[in-house]
Amino acid sequence: MKLSSNFLRDARKLLGRIRYTRGTLPVITHILATPDATGTTLAVTDLDHWLETRADAQPEPNDPAAFLIPAGAMVAATRADKNTTVTFTLRGGKKRQVLHVSAQCGGIQVESTHPTLDVAEFPARPTVIGTSTSVPAYTMESLAVVAGCASTDETRYVLNGVLFTPDDGGTLVATDGRRLGSAPALVPPVPFILATAAVHVLAHPDFTGQGAEITVSEAADDLTVAIRSGNHLLVSKTIAGDYPNYRQVIPHLVPELVTIAGDRRPGVIAWLRALPDTRDAVRLSWEKRGQLTLTRTTESSGTAVLRVPVEIHGNPPVIAFNPRFLADALEIGSTLCLSDGLTPGVCRHPSGRFCLIMPCRITGEVADVGGEKADHAPAMAA
């Protein structure tokens, strides 16, 4: 079989988002190559997810027989020069097969041989039968935006993903109990929770750059979704369980608004992410009208202060947040809505997406800029 080195390089980047090389079964550490009359499909699986990509154009006709590409052979193939052709040749019998790879590297033809396994041992591609929904590119882009708020705590398994719900006209929700990201989106009529590993795949430009078709299986006891975007397909199991009632933690009245100008926001986010330790809170205060002062004090690194011009409506309270959480929230929205120092703050975007973050308690003399200490407020009910 002959394939373009450019396609192989792009395919390796996408397929690598599934950690198939860490599989416990030797066969799933391989890539399934399936050529046919009109193109070639490369696929990987970790048993919970199936990911494939396809090349429609081929340099020349290929043998239609499928075979497995070991990880080492894929590495050798992707070292080939750009705009060249890589040749794969399968040799040997079923009990002892080797894959011969021939590629041009630096203008020199390089060949290598890699042990491989019988293609019959590879798991079958999952079949998802159900209702399909076409979603715009905005849905996939919003998914990547809110996904950072999902929990990574394995003991809170139901929160280790993003909720797709048709409520309120379609919504994406992710939370870890201390922050909550939400975005309006066109989603299937059947709610489901997509695991973070699958969301990570969908954050690749091959999925975010265009619309997609989402198919949800009809089997309620084993809910599986298939997401196809162009020549790329992801089939994933969903997270079983009931998602918490996220609406009960969203403040209904947040009259004090602070908007950071679009050209200032990247600098604020960069400053927050550069702080050396995220365990200490950043205090937001308003010493001058039209100015936000962010203060961070630690025993080890002293005091760091950033002053930013902002547009203020009302009288926002002095409040403190975890710097990493605040940076993530500002990635989602630039308008900070506050009611008091203990109520969650909400960063909103004109598109309707928002991020809710729990504040940190401020103790000590508030009048001493940076002199107070902060601890985290209780997590959200979720």
Foldseek 3Di string as FASTA:
>chain_A
DKAALVVLLVFCVLQVLPVQCPAPDVQQQWWKWFDDDQWIKTWGDNPQKIKIFIDRDGPDDDDRDMFIHHPVNSVVSNQADHGWMKDWDWDDDQVWIKIKIWGQHPNRIDIDIGTGHHPVPDDDDDDADADKDKWWLVQLVLLLLFQVAAAPDVVPVQQQFWKWACPPNTKIWHHRQFKIWMAHTHDDHDIFTAGSSVSSSSNDCQNNVTIWMKGWHPDPVWIWIWIDRVRMIMIGTTDDDDDDPPVVQDDPDQQKKKFADPVCLVVLLVVLVPDDDQQFKWKWDDPDPQKTKTWAADPVPGIDIDIGGIHIDDHAEIEIFRSNLVSSQVSAARMWGHDYHQRWIWGDHPNGIIMTGGTWDWDDDPVPGNPTTTHGDGGHPD
